[in-house]
């Protein structure tokens, strides 16, 4: 069996559509027909070479999506053929099979435990979660990364109490989901910070009470106009080292918490004044919102079903697989917040 996938052959060059031979499934592997794939800023870093040397070229990409199980390898018990599934880079229960190799004519193409930029993909069992019946495949694709990372960094990492203040720096797909998570958690005020008006308007739709256009003003000063002592929590979701510092500067002394979500480019550094920590502030990291998929993904599905979590603002544009390079360019330019590839579109 063959499938079409977008393959990264050379850093800094467009992805190439390739006809790949699907290998025989190993124990713990699952063949999934992809319905939708999201595109994350992580893929921009990978494609442009911003993560440094890439030893696995050529290789497949993509780490969030939805699809239907076509076949399962030996020992797989978590899913079965016909199941609708969320595909996520975040590991849950089940076998962990870290590598797949496809054939592309005489060439080999590498893939990790999950890739989603193709019509079919071999996925490790532990990267799959069954979708409840009332969740659409389009929404389910966002449950692979944007939702668990953005909502999870609020629920699992920051853990604000109702009534506490929060600022979200960077309102792309993950930042918007953090705004949604803060709204559900009862935070007030919820301050969204970005350099693009279009993203701030979407943040309003997700529940932000205040918006700061950081291209025109000092965002830390503006945050402290809203909360003179600083906010209780700040979430950084831009991947920019200077913004990571802004998040830390914006939280209150003696207990304020800044959490870094964004991925910086390879080699970039944060130069930190340790006085900020002497003031009793905390700077934390997070591993994709610190989720346990078997525990947390069903919760996010329930929030979707109940209407408490609205992902419509993220659904700005849908692309064909043949348009994947346009989708990556649009994401990098800030024209869309979370592109979706619909594998059924020709």
C-alpha atoms as a PDB file:
ATOM      1  CA  UNK A   1       0.000   0.000   0.000  1.00  0.00           C
ATOM      2  CA  UNK A   2       1.183   3.492  -0.851  1.00  0.00           C
ATOM      3  CA  UNK A   3       0.298   6.891   0.554  1.00  0.00           C
ATOM      4  CA  UNK A   4       1.066  10.545  -0.166  1.00  0.00           C
ATOM      5  CA  UNK A   5       2.990  12.514   2.445  1.00  0.00           C
ATOM      6  CA  UNK A   6       4.779  15.859   2.670  1.00  0.00           C
ATOM      7  CA  UNK A   7       8.477  15.177   3.267  1.00  0.00           C
ATOM      8  CA  UNK A   8      11.232  17.489   4.472  1.00  0.00           C
ATOM      9  CA  UNK A   9      14.240  16.770   2.254  1.00  0.00           C
ATOM     10  CA  UNK A  10      16.429  19.820   2.857  1.00  0.00           C
ATOM     11  CA  UNK A  11      16.353  22.456   5.604  1.00  0.00           C
ATOM     12  CA  UNK A  12      15.055  25.800   4.408  1.00  0.00           C
ATOM     13  CA  UNK A  13      13.434  24.257   1.320  1.00  0.00           C
ATOM     14  CA  UNK A  14       9.727  23.570   0.672  1.00  0.00           C
ATOM     15  CA  UNK A  15       8.273  20.213   1.635  1.00  0.00           C
ATOM     16  CA  UNK A  16       7.932  17.725  -1.218  1.00  0.00           C
ATOM     17  CA  UNK A  17       4.907  15.499  -1.791  1.00  0.00           C
ATOM     18  CA  UNK A  18       6.106  11.904  -2.068  1.00  0.00           C
ATOM     19  CA  UNK A  19       4.446   8.558  -2.727  1.00  0.00           C
ATOM     20  CA  UNK A  20       5.598   6.369   0.153  1.00  0.00           C
ATOM     21  CA  UNK A  21       5.320   2.620   0.629  1.00  0.00           C
ATOM     22  CA  UNK A  22       3.698   1.834   3.981  1.00  0.00           C
ATOM     23  CA  UNK A  23       5.765  -0.765   5.846  1.00  0.00           C
ATOM     24  CA  UNK A  24       4.448  -3.832   7.639  1.00  0.00           C
ATOM     25  CA  UNK A  25       3.284  -2.798  11.084  1.00  0.00           C
ATOM     26  CA  UNK A  26       5.578  -3.619  13.978  1.00  0.00           C
ATOM     27  CA  UNK A  27       4.249  -4.622  17.409  1.00  0.00           C
ATOM     28  CA  UNK A  28       2.670  -1.570  19.005  1.00  0.00           C
ATOM     29  CA  UNK A  29       2.121   0.314  15.739  1.00  0.00           C
ATOM     30  CA  UNK A  30      -1.160   1.496  14.226  1.00  0.00           C
ATOM     31  CA  UNK A  31      -1.986   2.504  10.655  1.00  0.00           C
ATOM     32  CA  UNK A  32      -4.218   5.589  10.622  1.00  0.00           C
ATOM     33  CA  UNK A  33      -5.959   7.292   7.725  1.00  0.00           C
ATOM     34  CA  UNK A  34      -5.452  10.967   8.531  1.00  0.00           C
ATOM     35  CA  UNK A  35      -8.527  13.190   8.370  1.00  0.00           C
ATOM     36  CA  UNK A  36      -7.084  16.534   9.505  1.00  0.00           C
ATOM     37  CA  UNK A  37      -3.610  17.645  10.497  1.00  0.00           C
ATOM     38  CA  UNK A  38      -2.795  20.831  12.354  1.00  0.00           C
ATOM     39  CA  UNK A  39       0.422  22.766  11.818  1.00  0.00           C
ATOM     40  CA  UNK A  40       2.355  24.049  14.825  1.00  0.00           C
ATOM     41  CA  UNK A  41       5.183  26.593  15.080  1.00  0.00           C
ATOM     42  CA  UNK A  42       7.397  23.615  15.882  1.00  0.00           C
ATOM     43  CA  UNK A  43       7.132  22.595  12.233  1.00  0.00           C
ATOM     44  CA  UNK A  44       8.284  26.068  11.178  1.00  0.00           C
ATOM     45  CA  UNK A  45      11.373  25.618  13.339  1.00  0.00           C
ATOM     46  CA  UNK A  46      11.977  22.187  11.809  1.00  0.00           C
ATOM     47  CA  UNK A  47      11.412  23.205   8.183  1.00  0.00           C
ATOM     48  CA  UNK A  48      13.463  26.402   8.345  1.00  0.00           C
ATOM     49  CA  UNK A  49      16.365  24.786  10.165  1.00  0.00           C
ATOM     50  CA  UNK A  50      15.816  26.847  13.317  1.00  0.00           C
ATOM     51  CA  UNK A  51      16.288  23.793  15.535  1.00  0.00           C
ATOM     52  CA  UNK A  52      19.846  23.217  14.436  1.00  0.00           C
ATOM     53  CA  UNK A  53      21.284  20.182  12.687  1.00  0.00           C
ATOM     54  CA  UNK A  54      18.778  17.596  11.457  1.00  0.00           C
ATOM     55  CA  UNK A  55      20.281  14.088  11.388  1.00  0.00           C
ATOM     56  CA  UNK A  56      17.125  12.374  10.151  1.00  0.00           C
ATOM     57  CA  UNK A  57      16.614  13.905   6.705  1.00  0.00           C
ATOM     58  CA  UNK A  58      14.621  13.109   4.702  1.00  0.00           C
ATOM     59  CA  UNK A  59      11.727  12.692   7.106  1.00  0.00           C
ATOM     60  CA  UNK A  60       7.998  13.114   7.626  1.00  0.00           C
ATOM     61  CA  UNK A  61       6.504  15.838   9.853  1.00  0.00           C
ATOM     62  CA  UNK A  62       3.409  16.758  11.851  1.00  0.00           C
ATOM     63  CA  UNK A  63       2.423  16.061  15.440  1.00  0.00           C
ATOM     64  CA  UNK A  64      -1.289  16.806  15.854  1.00  0.00           C
ATOM     65  CA  UNK A  65      -4.254  15.483  13.972  1.00  0.00           C
ATOM     66  CA  UNK A  66      -7.290  13.266  13.771  1.00  0.00           C
ATOM     67  CA  UNK A  67      -8.043  10.159  11.788  1.00  0.00           C
ATOM     68  CA  UNK A  68      -9.508   6.674  11.547  1.00  0.00           C
ATOM     69  CA  UNK A  69      -7.643   3.489  12.469  1.00  0.00           C
ATOM     70  CA  UNK A  70      -7.161   1.226   9.438  1.00  0.00           C
ATOM     71  CA  UNK A  71      -5.104  -1.582  10.946  1.00  0.00           C
ATOM     72  CA  UNK A  72      -3.214  -2.443  14.128  1.00  0.00           C
ATOM     73  CA  UNK A  73       0.052  -4.239  14.702  1.00  0.00           C
ATOM     74  CA  UNK A  74       0.639  -7.153  17.061  1.00  0.00           C
ATOM     75  CA  UNK A  75      -0.110  -6.454  20.694  1.00  0.00           C
ATOM     76  CA  UNK A  76      -2.139  -3.277  20.192  1.00  0.00           C
ATOM     77  CA  UNK A  77      -5.136  -3.164  22.545  1.00  0.00           C
ATOM     78  CA  UNK A  78      -5.810   0.567  22.999  1.00  0.00           C
ATOM     79  CA  UNK A  79      -7.507   1.049  19.615  1.00  0.00           C
ATOM     80  CA  UNK A  80      -9.024  -1.099  16.884  1.00  0.00           C
ATOM     81  CA  UNK A  81      -9.831  -0.751  13.195  1.00  0.00           C
ATOM     82  CA  UNK A  82     -12.607   1.781  12.641  1.00  0.00           C
ATOM     83  CA  UNK A  83     -11.905   3.857  15.751  1.00  0.00           C
ATOM     84  CA  UNK A  84     -11.785   7.622  15.319  1.00  0.00           C
ATOM     85  CA  UNK A  85      -8.662   8.857  17.075  1.00  0.00           C
ATOM     86  CA  UNK A  86      -6.766  11.949  18.210  1.00  0.00           C
ATOM     87  CA  UNK A  87      -3.108  11.898  17.156  1.00  0.00           C
ATOM     88  CA  UNK A  88      -0.777  13.686  19.560  1.00  0.00           C
ATOM     89  CA  UNK A  89       2.951  13.983  20.170  1.00  0.00           C
ATOM     90  CA  UNK A  90       2.173  13.767  23.895  1.00  0.00           C
ATOM     91  CA  UNK A  91       2.688  10.210  25.086  1.00  0.00           C
ATOM     92  CA  UNK A  92      -0.127   8.336  26.792  1.00  0.00           C
ATOM     93  CA  UNK A  93      -0.594   4.687  27.664  1.00  0.00           C
ATOM     94  CA  UNK A  94       0.266   1.914  25.242  1.00  0.00           C
ATOM     95  CA  UNK A  95       3.357   0.763  23.404  1.00  0.00           C
ATOM     96  CA  UNK A  96       6.040   3.342  22.619  1.00  0.00           C
ATOM     97  CA  UNK A  97       7.473   2.687  19.157  1.00  0.00           C
ATOM     98  CA  UNK A  98       9.749   5.630  18.412  1.00  0.00           C
ATOM     99  CA  UNK A  99      10.616   5.106  14.763  1.00  0.00           C
ATOM    100  CA  UNK A 100       9.146   4.170  11.389  1.00  0.00           C
ATOM    101  CA  UNK A 101      10.942   3.958   8.049  1.00  0.00           C
ATOM    102  CA  UNK A 102       9.080   4.364   4.741  1.00  0.00           C
ATOM    103  CA  UNK A 103      10.353   3.603   1.255  1.00  0.00           C
ATOM    104  CA  UNK A 104      10.215   6.262  -1.447  1.00  0.00           C
ATOM    105  CA  UNK A 105      11.441   4.479  -4.531  1.00  0.00           C
ATOM    106  CA  UNK A 106      15.057   3.638  -3.741  1.00  0.00           C
ATOM    107  CA  UNK A 107      15.221   6.125  -0.851  1.00  0.00           C
ATOM    108  CA  UNK A 108      14.315   5.659   2.798  1.00  0.00           C
ATOM    109  CA  UNK A 109      12.253   8.282   4.614  1.00  0.00           C
ATOM    110  CA  UNK A 110      12.375   8.502   8.394  1.00  0.00           C
ATOM    111  CA  UNK A 111       9.490   9.169  10.725  1.00  0.00           C
ATOM    112  CA  UNK A 112       9.061   9.328  14.472  1.00  0.00           C
ATOM    113  CA  UNK A 113       6.369   7.790  16.656  1.00  0.00           C
ATOM    114  CA  UNK A 114       3.865  10.215  15.139  1.00  0.00           C
ATOM    115  CA  UNK A 115       3.670  12.109  11.842  1.00  0.00           C
ATOM    116  CA  UNK A 116       0.516  13.671  10.396  1.00  0.00           C
ATOM    117  CA  UNK A 117       1.474  15.440   7.146  1.00  0.00           C
ATOM    118  CA  UNK A 118       0.171  12.617   4.970  1.00  0.00           C
ATOM    119  CA  UNK A 119      -2.966  10.767   3.965  1.00  0.00           C
ATOM    120  CA  UNK A 120      -1.950   7.707   5.989  1.00  0.00           C
ATOM    121  CA  UNK A 121       0.582   7.338   8.747  1.00  0.00           C
ATOM    122  CA  UNK A 122       2.060   4.642  10.963  1.00  0.00           C
ATOM    123  CA  UNK A 123       1.599   5.807  14.553  1.00  0.00           C
ATOM    124  CA  UNK A 124       2.875   4.493  17.862  1.00  0.00           C
ATOM    125  CA  UNK A 125       0.011   3.179  20.026  1.00  0.00           C
ATOM    126  CA  UNK A 126       0.791   5.583  22.866  1.00  0.00           C
ATOM    127  CA  UNK A 127       0.177   8.655  20.657  1.00  0.00           C
ATOM    128  CA  UNK A 128      -3.494   7.797  20.085  1.00  0.00           C
ATOM    129  CA  UNK A 129      -6.679   8.564  22.019  1.00  0.00           C
ATOM    130  CA  UNK A 130     -10.168   7.471  20.945  1.00  0.00           C
ATOM    131  CA  UNK A 131     -12.471  10.397  20.065  1.00  0.00           C
ATOM    132  CA  UNK A 132     -15.885  10.492  21.768  1.00  0.00           C
ATOM    133  CA  UNK A 133     -18.762  10.239  19.311  1.00  0.00           C
ATOM    134  CA  UNK A 134     -19.926  13.860  19.441  1.00  0.00           C
ATOM    135  CA  UNK A 135     -16.571  15.528  18.696  1.00  0.00           C
ATOM    136  CA  UNK A 136     -15.955  16.435  15.050  1.00  0.00           C
ATOM    137  CA  UNK A 137     -12.780  15.278  13.342  1.00  0.00           C
ATOM    138  CA  UNK A 138     -11.891  18.884  12.619  1.00  0.00           C
ATOM    139  CA  UNK A 139     -12.061  19.888  16.287  1.00  0.00           C
ATOM    140  CA  UNK A 140     -10.337  16.683  17.357  1.00  0.00           C
ATOM    141  CA  UNK A 141      -7.236  17.614  15.358  1.00  0.00           C
ATOM    142  CA  UNK A 142      -6.617  20.543  17.718  1.00  0.00           C
ATOM    143  CA  UNK A 143      -6.737  18.158  20.675  1.00  0.00           C
ATOM    144  CA  UNK A 144      -3.388  16.749  19.572  1.00  0.00           C
ATOM    145  CA  UNK A 145      -1.329  19.800  20.559  1.00  0.00           C
ATOM    146  CA  UNK A 146      -2.952  23.252  20.602  1.00  0.00           C
ATOM    147  CA  UNK A 147      -5.625  22.447  23.178  1.00  0.00           C
ATOM    148  CA  UNK A 148      -3.662  20.205  25.561  1.00  0.00           C
ATOM    149  CA  UNK A 149      -0.651  22.517  25.502  1.00  0.00           C
ATOM    150  CA  UNK A 150      -2.599  25.773  25.845  1.00  0.00           C
ATOM    151  CA  UNK A 151      -5.369  24.676  28.168  1.00  0.00           C
ATOM    152  CA  UNK A 152      -3.075  22.253  29.978  1.00  0.00           C
ATOM    153  CA  UNK A 153      -0.492  24.900  30.848  1.00  0.00           C
ATOM    154  CA  UNK A 154      -3.266  26.691  32.728  1.00  0.00           C
ATOM    155  CA  UNK A 155      -4.978  23.666  34.301  1.00  0.00           C
ATOM    156  CA  UNK A 156      -1.935  21.508  35.029  1.00  0.00           C
ATOM    157  CA  UNK A 157       1.097  23.792  35.249  1.00  0.00           C
ATOM    158  CA  UNK A 158      -0.067  27.192  36.510  1.00  0.00           C
ATOM    159  CA  UNK A 159      -3.191  25.934  38.330  1.00  0.00           C
ATOM    160  CA  UNK A 160      -4.729  29.353  39.062  1.00  0.00           C
ATOM    161  CA  UNK A 161      -7.631  29.729  41.462  1.00  0.00           C
ATOM    162  CA  UNK A 162     -10.825  31.432  40.368  1.00  0.00           C
ATOM    163  CA  UNK A 163     -10.390  35.195  40.585  1.00  0.00           C
ATOM    164  CA  UNK A 164      -6.617  35.236  40.092  1.00  0.00           C
ATOM    165  CA  UNK A 165      -5.120  37.393  37.344  1.00  0.00           C
ATOM    166  CA  UNK A 166      -3.252  36.123  34.287  1.00  0.00           C
ATOM    167  CA  UNK A 167      -1.481  37.492  31.215  1.00  0.00           C
ATOM    168  CA  UNK A 168      -0.895  35.453  28.052  1.00  0.00           C
ATOM    169  CA  UNK A 169       2.038  36.628  25.916  1.00  0.00           C
ATOM    170  CA  UNK A 170       1.577  35.412  22.346  1.00  0.00           C
ATOM    171  CA  UNK A 171      -1.897  34.574  21.085  1.00  0.00           C
ATOM    172  CA  UNK A 172      -1.305  32.066  18.341  1.00  0.00           C
ATOM    173  CA  UNK A 173      -2.994  28.677  18.527  1.00  0.00           C
ATOM    174  CA  UNK A 174      -1.505  27.673  21.883  1.00  0.00           C
ATOM    175  CA  UNK A 175      -1.847  31.139  23.390  1.00  0.00           C
ATOM    176  CA  UNK A 176      -5.502  31.341  22.370  1.00  0.00           C
ATOM    177  CA  UNK A 177      -6.127  27.974  23.999  1.00  0.00           C
ATOM    178  CA  UNK A 178      -4.411  29.299  27.135  1.00  0.00           C
ATOM    179  CA  UNK A 179      -6.839  32.227  27.070  1.00  0.00           C
ATOM    180  CA  UNK A 180      -9.695  29.736  26.812  1.00  0.00           C
ATOM    181  CA  UNK A 181      -8.264  27.711  29.697  1.00  0.00           C
ATOM    182  CA  UNK A 182      -7.933  30.835  31.840  1.00  0.00           C
ATOM    183  CA  UNK A 183     -11.548  31.717  31.083  1.00  0.00           C
ATOM    184  CA  UNK A 184     -12.757  28.275  32.127  1.00  0.00           C
ATOM    185  CA  UNK A 185     -10.606  28.463  35.276  1.00  0.00           C
ATOM    186  CA  UNK A 186     -12.319  31.723  36.260  1.00  0.00           C
ATOM    187  CA  UNK A 187      -9.261  33.974  36.007  1.00  0.00           C
ATOM    188  CA  UNK A 188      -9.813  37.725  36.054  1.00  0.00           C
ATOM    189  CA  UNK A 189      -8.526  39.838  34.499  1.00  0.00           C
ATOM    190  CA  UNK A 190      -7.284  37.864  31.492  1.00  0.00           C
ATOM    191  CA  UNK A 191      -4.768  39.988  29.594  1.00  0.00           C
ATOM    192  CA  UNK A 192      -3.765  39.018  26.043  1.00  0.00           C
ATOM    193  CA  UNK A 193      -0.514  40.384  24.621  1.00  0.00           C
ATOM    194  CA  UNK A 194       0.540  40.183  20.972  1.00  0.00           C
ATOM    195  CA  UNK A 195       2.062  42.247  18.181  1.00  0.00           C
ATOM    196  CA  UNK A 196      -0.783  41.552  15.730  1.00  0.00           C
ATOM    197  CA  UNK A 197      -4.262  43.025  15.965  1.00  0.00           C
ATOM    198  CA  UNK A 198      -5.941  40.066  14.280  1.00  0.00           C
ATOM    199  CA  UNK A 199      -4.721  37.680  16.977  1.00  0.00           C
ATOM    200  CA  UNK A 200      -5.826  40.032  19.744  1.00  0.00           C
ATOM    201  CA  UNK A 201      -9.322  40.157  18.261  1.00  0.00           C
ATOM    202  CA  UNK A 202      -9.421  36.371  18.383  1.00  0.00           C
ATOM    203  CA  UNK A 203      -8.221  36.483  21.991  1.00  0.00           C
ATOM    204  CA  UNK A 204     -11.247  38.625  22.806  1.00  0.00           C
ATOM    205  CA  UNK A 205     -13.456  35.942  21.322  1.00  0.00           C
ATOM    206  CA  UNK A 206     -11.730  33.313  23.489  1.00  0.00           C
ATOM    207  CA  UNK A 207     -12.375  35.303  26.685  1.00  0.00           C
ATOM    208  CA  UNK A 208      -9.624  37.907  27.108  1.00  0.00           C
ATOM    209  CA  UNK A 209     -10.801  40.897  29.158  1.00  0.00           C
ATOM    210  CA  UNK A 210      -7.909  43.168  28.136  1.00  0.00           C
ATOM    211  CA  UNK A 211      -5.695  43.249  25.025  1.00  0.00           C
ATOM    212  CA  UNK A 212      -2.267  44.836  24.686  1.00  0.00           C
ATOM    213  CA  UNK A 213      -0.722  45.551  21.283  1.00  0.00           C
ATOM    214  CA  UNK A 214       2.931  45.003  22.146  1.00  0.00           C
ATOM    215  CA  UNK A 215       4.224  46.509  18.886  1.00  0.00           C
ATOM    216  CA  UNK A 216       3.058  49.933  20.044  1.00  0.00           C
ATOM    217  CA  UNK A 217       3.526  49.991  23.833  1.00  0.00           C
ATOM    218  CA  UNK A 218       5.670  48.474  26.577  1.00  0.00           C
ATOM    219  CA  UNK A 219       3.604  45.387  27.430  1.00  0.00           C
ATOM    220  CA  UNK A 220       4.943  45.083  30.982  1.00  0.00           C
ATOM    221  CA  UNK A 221       3.980  48.675  31.768  1.00  0.00           C
ATOM    222  CA  UNK A 222       0.526  48.142  30.287  1.00  0.00           C
ATOM    223  CA  UNK A 223       0.022  44.921  32.251  1.00  0.00           C
ATOM    224  CA  UNK A 224       0.860  46.826  35.438  1.00  0.00           C
ATOM    225  CA  UNK A 225      -1.640  49.526  34.547  1.00  0.00           C
ATOM    226  CA  UNK A 226      -4.286  46.815  34.728  1.00  0.00           C
ATOM    227  CA  UNK A 227      -2.735  45.037  37.756  1.00  0.00           C
ATOM    228  CA  UNK A 228      -0.461  47.549  39.553  1.00  0.00           C
ATOM    229  CA  UNK A 229       1.308  44.883  41.606  1.00  0.00           C
ATOM    230  CA  UNK A 230       1.688  42.532  38.642  1.00  0.00           C
ATOM    231  CA  UNK A 231      -0.400  39.547  37.610  1.00  0.00           C
ATOM    232  CA  UNK A 232      -0.551  36.305  39.545  1.00  0.00           C
ATOM    233  CA  UNK A 233       0.387  34.278  36.456  1.00  0.00           C
ATOM    234  CA  UNK A 234       1.917  34.909  33.049  1.00  0.00           C
ATOM    235  CA  UNK A 235       2.005  32.395  30.210  1.00  0.00           C
ATOM    236  CA  UNK A 236       4.597  32.890  27.456  1.00  0.00           C
ATOM    237  CA  UNK A 237       3.561  31.312  24.155  1.00  0.00           C
ATOM    238  CA  UNK A 238       5.606  33.217  21.583  1.00  0.00           C
ATOM    239  CA  UNK A 239       8.942  31.398  21.591  1.00  0.00           C
ATOM    240  CA  UNK A 240      10.796  34.716  21.783  1.00  0.00           C
ATOM    241  CA  UNK A 241      13.437  35.031  24.542  1.00  0.00           C
ATOM    242  CA  UNK A 242      12.670  38.716  25.129  1.00  0.00           C
ATOM    243  CA  UNK A 243       8.995  37.861  25.612  1.00  0.00           C
ATOM    244  CA  UNK A 244       9.899  35.172  28.131  1.00  0.00           C
ATOM    245  CA  UNK A 245      11.534  37.926  30.187  1.00  0.00           C
ATOM    246  CA  UNK A 246       8.503  40.186  29.746  1.00  0.00           C
ATOM    247  CA  UNK A 247       6.330  37.438  31.182  1.00  0.00           C
ATOM    248  CA  UNK A 248       8.572  37.172  34.240  1.00  0.00           C
ATOM    249  CA  UNK A 249       8.725  40.957  34.708  1.00  0.00           C
ATOM    250  CA  UNK A 250       4.928  41.195  34.580  1.00  0.00           C
ATOM    251  CA  UNK A 251       4.130  38.870  37.492  1.00  0.00           C
ATOM    252  CA  UNK A 252       3.838  40.065  41.075  1.00  0.00           C
ATOM    253  CA  UNK A 253       6.572  39.804  43.687  1.00  0.00           C
ATOM    254  CA  UNK A 254       6.352  37.107  46.365  1.00  0.00           C
ATOM    255  CA  UNK A 255       4.518  34.376  44.531  1.00  0.00           C
ATOM    256  CA  UNK A 256       3.964  35.449  40.925  1.00  0.00           C
ATOM    257  CA  UNK A 257       4.511  32.610  38.431  1.00  0.00           C
ATOM    258  CA  UNK A 258       5.674  32.889  34.811  1.00  0.00           C
ATOM    259  CA  UNK A 259       5.450  29.758  32.661  1.00  0.00           C
ATOM    260  CA  UNK A 260       7.385  29.403  29.389  1.00  0.00           C
ATOM    261  CA  UNK A 261       5.594  27.387  26.714  1.00  0.00           C
ATOM    262  CA  UNK A 262       7.132  28.700  23.497  1.00  0.00           C
ATOM    263  CA  UNK A 263      10.077  27.040  21.761  1.00  0.00           C
ATOM    264  CA  UNK A 264      12.999  29.366  21.025  1.00  0.00           C
ATOM    265  CA  UNK A 265      15.266  28.895  18.031  1.00  0.00           C
ATOM    266  CA  UNK A 266      18.382  26.786  18.389  1.00  0.00           C
ATOM    267  CA  UNK A 267      21.149  28.729  20.130  1.00  0.00           C
ATOM    268  CA  UNK A 268      18.971  31.529  21.500  1.00  0.00           C
ATOM    269  CA  UNK A 269      19.459  32.355  25.168  1.00  0.00           C
ATOM    270  CA  UNK A 270      17.628  34.186  27.940  1.00  0.00           C
ATOM    271  CA  UNK A 271      19.786  36.584  29.963  1.00  0.00           C
ATOM    272  CA  UNK A 272      18.080  36.680  33.341  1.00  0.00           C
ATOM    273  CA  UNK A 273      18.518  39.207  36.137  1.00  0.00           C
ATOM    274  CA  UNK A 274      18.489  36.950  39.238  1.00  0.00           C
ATOM    275  CA  UNK A 275      16.911  39.766  41.230  1.00  0.00           C
ATOM    276  CA  UNK A 276      13.633  38.771  39.626  1.00  0.00           C
ATOM    277  CA  UNK A 277      13.879  35.449  41.466  1.00  0.00           C
ATOM    278  CA  UNK A 278      15.063  37.144  44.661  1.00  0.00           C
ATOM    279  CA  UNK A 279      11.757  39.041  44.589  1.00  0.00           C
ATOM    280  CA  UNK A 280       9.989  35.735  45.110  1.00  0.00           C
ATOM    281  CA  UNK A 281       8.883  35.205  41.541  1.00  0.00           C
ATOM    282  CA  UNK A 282       8.890  31.752  39.932  1.00  0.00           C
ATOM    283  CA  UNK A 283       9.921  30.885  36.386  1.00  0.00           C
ATOM    284  CA  UNK A 284       8.618  27.514  35.243  1.00  0.00           C
ATOM    285  CA  UNK A 285       8.737  25.379  32.159  1.00  0.00           C
ATOM    286  CA  UNK A 286       6.143  22.945  30.898  1.00  0.00           C
ATOM    287  CA  UNK A 287       6.205  19.796  28.798  1.00  0.00           C
ATOM    288  CA  UNK A 288       3.280  20.428  26.476  1.00  0.00           C
ATOM    289  CA  UNK A 289       0.948  21.503  29.274  1.00  0.00           C
ATOM    290  CA  UNK A 290       2.007  18.589  31.509  1.00  0.00           C
ATOM    291  CA  UNK A 291      -0.803  16.403  30.277  1.00  0.00           C
ATOM    292  CA  UNK A 292      -1.632  12.784  30.836  1.00  0.00           C
ATOM    293  CA  UNK A 293      -3.649  12.097  27.666  1.00  0.00           C
ATOM    294  CA  UNK A 294      -5.675   9.266  29.218  1.00  0.00           C
ATOM    295  CA  UNK A 295      -6.724  11.609  32.028  1.00  0.00           C
ATOM    296  CA  UNK A 296      -6.821  15.015  30.345  1.00  0.00           C
ATOM    297  CA  UNK A 297      -7.948  14.481  26.746  1.00  0.00           C
ATOM    298  CA  UNK A 298     -11.389  13.162  27.785  1.00  0.00           C
ATOM    299  CA  UNK A 299     -11.752  16.264  29.974  1.00  0.00           C
ATOM    300  CA  UNK A 300     -11.051  18.548  27.018  1.00  0.00           C
ATOM    301  CA  UNK A 301     -13.587  16.599  24.972  1.00  0.00           C
ATOM    302  CA  UNK A 302     -16.204  17.128  27.696  1.00  0.00           C
ATOM    303  CA  UNK A 303     -15.469  20.861  27.702  1.00  0.00           C
ATOM    304  CA  UNK A 304     -15.978  20.906  23.930  1.00  0.00           C
ATOM    305  CA  UNK A 305     -19.225  18.942  24.165  1.00  0.00           C
ATOM    306  CA  UNK A 306     -20.598  21.231  26.865  1.00  0.00           C
ATOM    307  CA  UNK A 307     -19.752  24.392  24.932  1.00  0.00           C
ATOM    308  CA  UNK A 308     -17.373  25.662  27.602  1.00  0.00           C
ATOM    309  CA  UNK A 309     -14.450  25.336  25.191  1.00  0.00           C
ATOM    310  CA  UNK A 310     -15.039  27.047  21.840  1.00  0.00           C
ATOM    311  CA  UNK A 311     -12.432  26.392  19.160  1.00  0.00           C
ATOM    312  CA  UNK A 312     -14.155  28.319  16.360  1.00  0.00           C
ATOM    313  CA  UNK A 313     -11.691  31.251  16.534  1.00  0.00           C
ATOM    314  CA  UNK A 314      -8.856  28.831  15.696  1.00  0.00           C
ATOM    315  CA  UNK A 315     -10.590  27.573  12.552  1.00  0.00           C
ATOM    316  CA  UNK A 316      -9.417  30.371  10.301  1.00  0.00           C
ATOM    317  CA  UNK A 317      -8.413  28.486   7.147  1.00  0.00           C
ATOM    318  CA  UNK A 318      -8.314  24.945   5.807  1.00  0.00           C
ATOM    319  CA  UNK A 319      -5.786  23.838   3.205  1.00  0.00           C
ATOM    320  CA  UNK A 320      -5.258  20.915   0.824  1.00  0.00           C
ATOM    321  CA  UNK A 321      -2.249  18.679   1.368  1.00  0.00           C
ATOM    322  CA  UNK A 322      -0.832  20.094  -1.884  1.00  0.00           C
ATOM    323  CA  UNK A 323      -0.997  23.552  -0.270  1.00  0.00           C
ATOM    324  CA  UNK A 324       0.987  22.613   2.821  1.00  0.00           C
ATOM    325  CA  UNK A 325       3.887  24.938   2.018  1.00  0.00           C
ATOM    326  CA  UNK A 326       1.431  27.830   1.669  1.00  0.00           C
ATOM    327  CA  UNK A 327      -0.037  26.893   5.042  1.00  0.00           C
ATOM    328  CA  UNK A 328       3.410  26.934   6.695  1.00  0.00           C
ATOM    329  CA  UNK A 329       4.226  30.293   5.090  1.00  0.00           C
ATOM    330  CA  UNK A 330       0.898  31.763   6.230  1.00  0.00           C
ATOM    331  CA  UNK A 331       1.459  30.539   9.778  1.00  0.00           C
ATOM    332  CA  UNK A 332       4.950  32.042   9.883  1.00  0.00           C
ATOM    333  CA  UNK A 333       3.594  35.364   8.567  1.00  0.00           C
ATOM    334  CA  UNK A 334       0.858  35.425  11.214  1.00  0.00           C
ATOM    335  CA  UNK A 335      -1.936  35.328   8.639  1.00  0.00           C
ATOM    336  CA  UNK A 336      -3.482  32.275  10.334  1.00  0.00           C
ATOM    337  CA  UNK A 337      -3.216  31.062  13.921  1.00  0.00           C
ATOM    338  CA  UNK A 338      -3.571  27.305  13.381  1.00  0.00           C
ATOM    339  CA  UNK A 339      -3.709  26.018   9.804  1.00  0.00           C
ATOM    340  CA  UNK A 340      -5.557  22.764   9.208  1.00  0.00           C
ATOM    341  CA  UNK A 341      -4.827  20.348   6.373  1.00  0.00           C
ATOM    342  CA  UNK A 342      -7.939  18.486   5.217  1.00  0.00           C
ATOM    343  CA  UNK A 343      -6.718  15.247   3.649  1.00  0.00           C
ATOM    344  CA  UNK A 344     -10.055  14.720   1.877  1.00  0.00           C
ATOM    345  CA  UNK A 345      -9.657  17.889  -0.178  1.00  0.00           C
ATOM    346  CA  UNK A 346      -8.197  17.277  -3.646  1.00  0.00           C
END
